[in-house]
N, C-alpha and C. Protein backbone atom coordinates (compact mmCIF):
# COMPACT_ATOMS: atom_id res chain seq x y z
N UNK A 1 18.01 -5.45 -26.26
CA UNK A 1 17.63 -5.70 -24.95
C UNK A 1 16.04 -5.81 -24.78
N UNK A 2 15.58 -6.83 -24.06
CA UNK A 2 14.13 -6.95 -23.85
C UNK A 2 13.68 -5.82 -22.91
N UNK A 3 12.37 -5.60 -23.04
CA UNK A 3 11.68 -4.64 -22.13
C UNK A 3 11.80 -5.14 -20.66
N UNK A 4 11.58 -6.43 -20.40
CA UNK A 4 11.65 -6.97 -19.06
C UNK A 4 13.01 -6.74 -18.44
N UNK A 5 14.09 -7.04 -19.22
CA UNK A 5 15.48 -6.87 -18.81
C UNK A 5 15.70 -5.39 -18.40
N UNK A 6 15.26 -4.42 -19.32
CA UNK A 6 15.49 -3.10 -19.04
C UNK A 6 14.68 -2.62 -17.83
N UNK A 7 13.43 -2.98 -17.67
CA UNK A 7 12.65 -2.54 -16.46
C UNK A 7 13.27 -3.09 -15.13
N UNK A 8 13.65 -4.42 -15.20
CA UNK A 8 14.20 -5.00 -13.96
C UNK A 8 15.53 -4.41 -13.63
N UNK A 9 16.33 -4.13 -14.58
CA UNK A 9 17.67 -3.56 -14.34
C UNK A 9 17.46 -2.19 -13.76
N UNK A 10 16.56 -1.39 -14.36
CA UNK A 10 16.32 -0.12 -13.77
C UNK A 10 15.86 -0.15 -12.30
N UNK A 11 15.09 -1.09 -11.97
CA UNK A 11 14.61 -1.28 -10.55
C UNK A 11 15.83 -1.57 -9.69
N UNK A 12 16.61 -2.53 -10.14
CA UNK A 12 17.77 -2.79 -9.32
C UNK A 12 18.66 -1.69 -9.18
N UNK A 13 18.97 -1.03 -10.26
CA UNK A 13 19.87 0.24 -10.24
C UNK A 13 19.25 1.26 -9.30
N UNK A 14 18.04 1.65 -9.40
CA UNK A 14 17.41 2.79 -8.62
C UNK A 14 17.14 2.44 -7.26
N UNK A 15 16.86 1.14 -6.93
CA UNK A 15 16.50 0.80 -5.52
C UNK A 15 17.52 0.19 -4.76
N UNK A 16 18.61 -0.36 -5.40
CA UNK A 16 19.57 -1.07 -4.59
C UNK A 16 21.05 -0.83 -4.94
N UNK A 17 21.30 0.21 -5.75
CA UNK A 17 22.59 0.32 -6.27
C UNK A 17 23.65 0.72 -5.06
N UNK A 18 23.16 1.09 -3.95
CA UNK A 18 24.04 1.35 -2.90
C UNK A 18 24.25 0.25 -1.89
N UNK A 19 23.64 -0.84 -2.26
CA UNK A 19 23.73 -1.97 -1.31
C UNK A 19 25.16 -2.58 -1.35
N UNK A 20 25.65 -3.10 -0.22
CA UNK A 20 27.09 -3.58 -0.20
C UNK A 20 27.23 -4.97 -0.84
N UNK A 21 26.13 -5.70 -1.05
CA UNK A 21 26.40 -7.07 -1.61
C UNK A 21 25.32 -7.31 -2.73
N UNK A 22 25.71 -8.29 -3.54
CA UNK A 22 24.74 -8.72 -4.69
C UNK A 22 23.51 -9.20 -4.09
N UNK A 23 23.55 -9.94 -2.95
CA UNK A 23 22.23 -10.59 -2.43
C UNK A 23 21.21 -9.50 -2.24
N UNK A 24 21.51 -8.40 -1.79
CA UNK A 24 20.53 -7.36 -1.57
C UNK A 24 20.00 -6.90 -2.98
N UNK A 25 20.76 -6.73 -3.96
CA UNK A 25 20.25 -6.39 -5.21
C UNK A 25 19.47 -7.47 -5.87
N UNK A 26 19.88 -8.75 -5.77
CA UNK A 26 19.02 -9.84 -6.25
C UNK A 26 17.68 -9.82 -5.43
N UNK A 27 17.70 -9.49 -4.28
CA UNK A 27 16.45 -9.57 -3.51
C UNK A 27 15.47 -8.56 -3.99
N UNK A 28 15.92 -7.39 -4.44
CA UNK A 28 15.07 -6.40 -4.90
C UNK A 28 14.48 -6.89 -6.23
N UNK A 29 15.27 -7.44 -7.11
CA UNK A 29 14.75 -8.01 -8.41
C UNK A 29 13.74 -9.09 -8.05
N UNK A 30 13.99 -9.90 -7.09
CA UNK A 30 13.10 -11.04 -6.79
C UNK A 30 11.77 -10.52 -6.33
N UNK A 31 11.65 -9.40 -5.59
CA UNK A 31 10.42 -8.82 -5.22
C UNK A 31 9.61 -8.37 -6.51
N UNK A 32 10.24 -7.79 -7.43
CA UNK A 32 9.64 -7.34 -8.61
C UNK A 32 8.98 -8.55 -9.36
N UNK A 33 9.83 -9.53 -9.53
CA UNK A 33 9.42 -10.76 -10.15
C UNK A 33 8.35 -11.54 -9.41
N UNK A 34 8.38 -11.44 -8.06
CA UNK A 34 7.24 -12.09 -7.29
C UNK A 34 5.96 -11.39 -7.55
N UNK A 35 6.03 -10.07 -7.67
CA UNK A 35 4.81 -9.30 -8.03
C UNK A 35 4.27 -9.57 -9.42
N UNK A 36 5.04 -9.88 -10.36
CA UNK A 36 4.71 -10.27 -11.71
C UNK A 36 3.88 -11.50 -11.63
N UNK A 37 4.26 -12.40 -10.82
CA UNK A 37 3.58 -13.71 -10.72
C UNK A 37 2.25 -13.53 -9.94
N UNK A 38 2.26 -12.78 -8.82
CA UNK A 38 1.20 -12.53 -8.01
C UNK A 38 0.02 -11.78 -8.69
N UNK A 39 0.43 -10.81 -9.62
CA UNK A 39 -0.46 -9.88 -10.31
C UNK A 39 -0.70 -10.24 -11.63
N UNK A 40 0.00 -11.26 -12.14
CA UNK A 40 -0.13 -11.60 -13.65
C UNK A 40 0.00 -10.44 -14.53
N UNK A 41 1.18 -9.86 -14.30
CA UNK A 41 1.62 -8.65 -15.10
C UNK A 41 3.07 -8.87 -15.59
N UNK A 42 3.48 -8.03 -16.50
CA UNK A 42 4.82 -8.05 -16.95
C UNK A 42 5.67 -7.25 -15.93
N UNK A 43 7.06 -7.35 -16.10
CA UNK A 43 7.91 -6.61 -15.20
C UNK A 43 7.64 -5.09 -15.41
N UNK A 44 7.56 -4.64 -16.66
CA UNK A 44 7.38 -3.26 -16.87
C UNK A 44 6.01 -2.74 -16.37
N UNK A 45 5.01 -3.55 -16.42
CA UNK A 45 3.73 -3.20 -15.83
C UNK A 45 3.71 -3.10 -14.38
N UNK A 46 4.45 -3.96 -13.75
CA UNK A 46 4.63 -3.89 -12.20
C UNK A 46 5.43 -2.60 -11.87
N UNK A 47 6.50 -2.27 -12.60
CA UNK A 47 7.28 -1.14 -12.32
C UNK A 47 6.40 0.19 -12.49
N UNK A 48 5.58 0.09 -13.49
CA UNK A 48 4.80 1.29 -13.82
C UNK A 48 3.40 1.52 -12.95
N UNK A 49 3.19 0.50 -12.01
CA UNK A 49 2.02 0.65 -11.16
C UNK A 49 2.04 2.02 -10.42
N UNK A 50 0.90 2.60 -10.22
CA UNK A 50 0.93 3.86 -9.53
C UNK A 50 1.42 3.78 -8.17
N UNK A 51 2.21 4.77 -7.68
CA UNK A 51 2.69 4.82 -6.30
C UNK A 51 3.51 3.70 -5.79
N UNK A 52 4.22 3.05 -6.70
CA UNK A 52 5.13 1.96 -6.27
C UNK A 52 6.58 2.34 -6.28
N UNK A 53 6.97 2.92 -7.24
CA UNK A 53 8.45 3.21 -7.37
C UNK A 53 8.70 4.70 -7.80
N UNK A 54 9.07 5.55 -6.78
CA UNK A 54 9.23 6.99 -6.94
C UNK A 54 10.19 7.28 -8.07
N UNK A 55 11.17 6.55 -8.26
CA UNK A 55 12.13 6.81 -9.36
C UNK A 55 11.49 6.71 -10.74
N UNK A 56 10.46 5.80 -10.89
CA UNK A 56 9.76 5.63 -12.16
C UNK A 56 8.90 6.94 -12.41
N UNK A 57 8.26 7.52 -11.37
CA UNK A 57 7.53 8.64 -11.54
C UNK A 57 8.41 9.81 -12.00
N UNK A 58 9.73 9.94 -11.51
CA UNK A 58 10.58 10.91 -11.84
C UNK A 58 11.35 10.78 -13.14
N UNK A 59 11.70 9.54 -13.42
CA UNK A 59 12.62 9.19 -14.63
C UNK A 59 12.01 8.43 -15.68
N UNK A 60 10.91 7.70 -15.38
CA UNK A 60 10.41 6.74 -16.42
C UNK A 60 11.35 5.65 -16.57
N UNK A 61 11.49 5.25 -17.81
CA UNK A 61 12.45 4.20 -18.25
C UNK A 61 13.72 4.75 -18.80
N UNK A 62 14.10 5.93 -18.46
CA UNK A 62 15.36 6.59 -18.94
C UNK A 62 16.59 5.75 -18.47
N UNK A 63 17.36 5.27 -19.35
CA UNK A 63 18.56 4.48 -19.06
C UNK A 63 19.66 5.35 -18.51
N UNK A 64 20.27 4.98 -17.44
CA UNK A 64 21.42 5.73 -16.83
C UNK A 64 22.58 5.73 -17.77
N UNK A 65 23.56 6.58 -17.56
CA UNK A 65 24.70 6.51 -18.25
C UNK A 65 25.40 5.25 -17.98
N UNK A 66 26.22 4.74 -19.03
CA UNK A 66 26.94 3.51 -18.89
C UNK A 66 28.02 3.66 -17.64
N UNK A 67 27.94 2.72 -16.77
CA UNK A 67 28.82 2.78 -15.56
C UNK A 67 28.87 1.39 -15.06
N UNK A 68 29.84 1.11 -14.23
CA UNK A 68 29.98 -0.23 -13.66
C UNK A 68 28.72 -0.66 -12.90
N UNK A 69 28.05 0.28 -12.18
CA UNK A 69 26.94 -0.05 -11.36
C UNK A 69 25.75 -0.34 -12.29
N UNK A 70 25.59 0.38 -13.40
CA UNK A 70 24.47 0.02 -14.44
C UNK A 70 24.73 -1.35 -15.11
N UNK A 71 26.03 -1.64 -15.34
CA UNK A 71 26.44 -2.98 -15.89
C UNK A 71 26.12 -4.10 -14.95
N UNK A 72 26.44 -3.87 -13.73
CA UNK A 72 26.08 -4.87 -12.70
C UNK A 72 24.59 -5.03 -12.45
N UNK A 73 23.79 -3.93 -12.54
CA UNK A 73 22.36 -3.94 -12.52
C UNK A 73 21.78 -4.81 -13.67
N UNK A 74 22.32 -4.64 -14.83
CA UNK A 74 21.89 -5.43 -16.05
C UNK A 74 22.23 -6.90 -15.79
N UNK A 75 23.38 -7.21 -15.28
CA UNK A 75 23.73 -8.63 -15.11
C UNK A 75 22.84 -9.24 -14.04
N UNK A 76 22.58 -8.53 -12.95
CA UNK A 76 21.71 -9.17 -11.92
C UNK A 76 20.23 -9.29 -12.56
N UNK A 77 19.83 -8.37 -13.22
CA UNK A 77 18.47 -8.45 -13.82
C UNK A 77 18.39 -9.73 -14.79
N UNK A 78 19.33 -9.84 -15.63
CA UNK A 78 19.35 -10.98 -16.53
C UNK A 78 19.45 -12.31 -15.77
N UNK A 79 20.33 -12.42 -14.85
CA UNK A 79 20.39 -13.68 -14.06
C UNK A 79 19.10 -13.90 -13.29
N UNK A 80 18.47 -12.85 -12.74
CA UNK A 80 17.25 -12.96 -12.03
C UNK A 80 16.11 -13.54 -12.91
N UNK A 81 16.09 -12.96 -14.11
CA UNK A 81 15.03 -13.52 -15.12
C UNK A 81 15.27 -14.93 -15.49
N UNK A 82 16.47 -15.45 -15.43
CA UNK A 82 16.78 -16.77 -15.88
C UNK A 82 16.86 -17.77 -14.69
N UNK A 83 17.17 -17.30 -13.59
CA UNK A 83 17.42 -18.23 -12.43
C UNK A 83 16.83 -17.60 -11.18
N UNK A 84 15.67 -18.00 -10.79
CA UNK A 84 14.98 -17.29 -9.59
C UNK A 84 15.73 -17.71 -8.23
N UNK A 85 15.71 -16.82 -7.37
CA UNK A 85 16.16 -16.95 -6.03
C UNK A 85 15.03 -16.83 -5.00
N UNK A 86 15.33 -17.06 -3.74
CA UNK A 86 14.21 -16.97 -2.75
C UNK A 86 14.79 -16.30 -1.45
N UNK A 87 15.59 -15.31 -1.68
CA UNK A 87 16.20 -14.61 -0.52
C UNK A 87 15.20 -13.95 0.43
N UNK A 88 14.04 -13.47 -0.22
CA UNK A 88 12.99 -12.69 0.40
C UNK A 88 11.88 -13.53 0.96
N UNK A 89 11.96 -14.78 0.77
CA UNK A 89 10.94 -15.76 1.29
C UNK A 89 9.55 -15.35 0.70
N UNK A 90 9.53 -15.02 -0.65
CA UNK A 90 8.20 -14.77 -1.26
C UNK A 90 7.69 -13.29 -1.15
N UNK A 91 8.56 -12.52 -0.59
CA UNK A 91 8.08 -11.05 -0.35
C UNK A 91 7.67 -10.37 -1.74
N UNK A 92 6.69 -9.50 -1.60
CA UNK A 92 6.21 -8.69 -2.71
C UNK A 92 6.28 -7.24 -2.40
N UNK A 93 6.82 -6.88 -1.26
CA UNK A 93 7.06 -5.46 -0.96
C UNK A 93 8.45 -5.37 -0.22
N UNK A 94 8.98 -4.12 -0.28
CA UNK A 94 10.28 -3.77 0.44
C UNK A 94 10.29 -2.39 0.58
N UNK A 95 11.16 -1.99 1.59
CA UNK A 95 11.49 -0.50 1.71
C UNK A 95 12.87 -0.55 2.52
N UNK A 96 13.38 0.61 2.63
CA UNK A 96 14.74 0.80 3.30
C UNK A 96 14.53 0.66 4.81
N UNK A 97 15.52 0.40 5.53
CA UNK A 97 15.42 0.26 6.97
C UNK A 97 15.13 1.66 7.60
N UNK A 98 15.54 2.68 7.00
CA UNK A 98 15.35 4.05 7.61
C UNK A 98 13.87 4.41 7.49
N UNK A 99 13.11 3.82 6.52
CA UNK A 99 11.66 4.18 6.43
C UNK A 99 10.90 3.51 7.55
N UNK A 100 11.34 2.31 7.96
CA UNK A 100 10.62 1.67 9.05
C UNK A 100 9.60 0.72 8.48
N UNK A 101 8.77 0.10 9.32
CA UNK A 101 7.74 -0.81 9.05
C UNK A 101 6.58 -0.17 8.33
N UNK A 102 6.16 -0.70 7.20
CA UNK A 102 5.13 -0.16 6.47
C UNK A 102 4.16 -1.32 5.94
N UNK A 103 3.21 -1.02 5.23
CA UNK A 103 2.24 -1.95 4.57
C UNK A 103 1.49 -2.80 5.39
N UNK A 104 1.56 -2.73 6.71
CA UNK A 104 0.68 -3.56 7.56
C UNK A 104 1.01 -5.04 7.35
N UNK A 105 2.21 -5.37 6.96
CA UNK A 105 2.57 -6.80 6.59
C UNK A 105 3.67 -7.24 7.56
N UNK A 106 3.84 -8.51 7.63
CA UNK A 106 4.88 -9.12 8.51
C UNK A 106 6.17 -9.09 7.75
N UNK A 107 7.12 -8.83 8.57
CA UNK A 107 8.57 -8.83 7.87
C UNK A 107 9.01 -10.23 7.63
N UNK A 108 9.47 -10.46 6.44
CA UNK A 108 9.91 -11.80 6.00
C UNK A 108 11.44 -11.87 6.07
N UNK A 109 12.12 -10.81 5.71
CA UNK A 109 13.53 -10.79 5.56
C UNK A 109 14.15 -9.43 5.77
N UNK A 110 15.38 -9.33 6.32
CA UNK A 110 16.11 -8.08 6.42
C UNK A 110 17.51 -8.35 5.75
N UNK A 111 17.75 -7.61 4.68
CA UNK A 111 19.03 -7.85 3.94
C UNK A 111 19.63 -6.51 3.78
N UNK A 112 20.67 -6.29 4.50
CA UNK A 112 21.42 -4.98 4.56
C UNK A 112 20.55 -3.91 4.77
N UNK A 113 20.32 -3.00 3.95
CA UNK A 113 19.54 -1.81 4.12
C UNK A 113 18.05 -1.87 3.75
N UNK A 114 17.61 -3.08 3.43
CA UNK A 114 16.24 -3.34 2.91
C UNK A 114 15.47 -4.34 3.81
N UNK A 115 14.27 -3.96 4.07
CA UNK A 115 13.36 -4.85 4.75
C UNK A 115 12.34 -5.36 3.75
N UNK A 116 12.07 -6.66 3.86
CA UNK A 116 11.19 -7.35 2.87
C UNK A 116 9.92 -7.87 3.56
N UNK A 117 8.81 -7.59 2.90
CA UNK A 117 7.48 -8.07 3.46
C UNK A 117 6.81 -8.95 2.45
């Protein structure tokens, strides 16, 4: 498994595993990939940026136990790396609806429990 695939799958797993549809999980992957282009960094470098992903601070790149959710996260990450989507209209940030508006940026999309900026 490539480092990019692992890092992206972990982001999807930790940030969107509770989302009711694949679209929301693809959208989270899309934001990470948008950041790689914007910042000229690898997926793992984006994930490891300070104060960006709380799960990374706590768990690092520790792989979760094998489960259907982890397998789905791997599938979404692999497909996202091979075929880009634009559900978030170019967003480079997201958070959950319950957190509210952040980043001083304009909302570009709302997909289930995530807001994209």
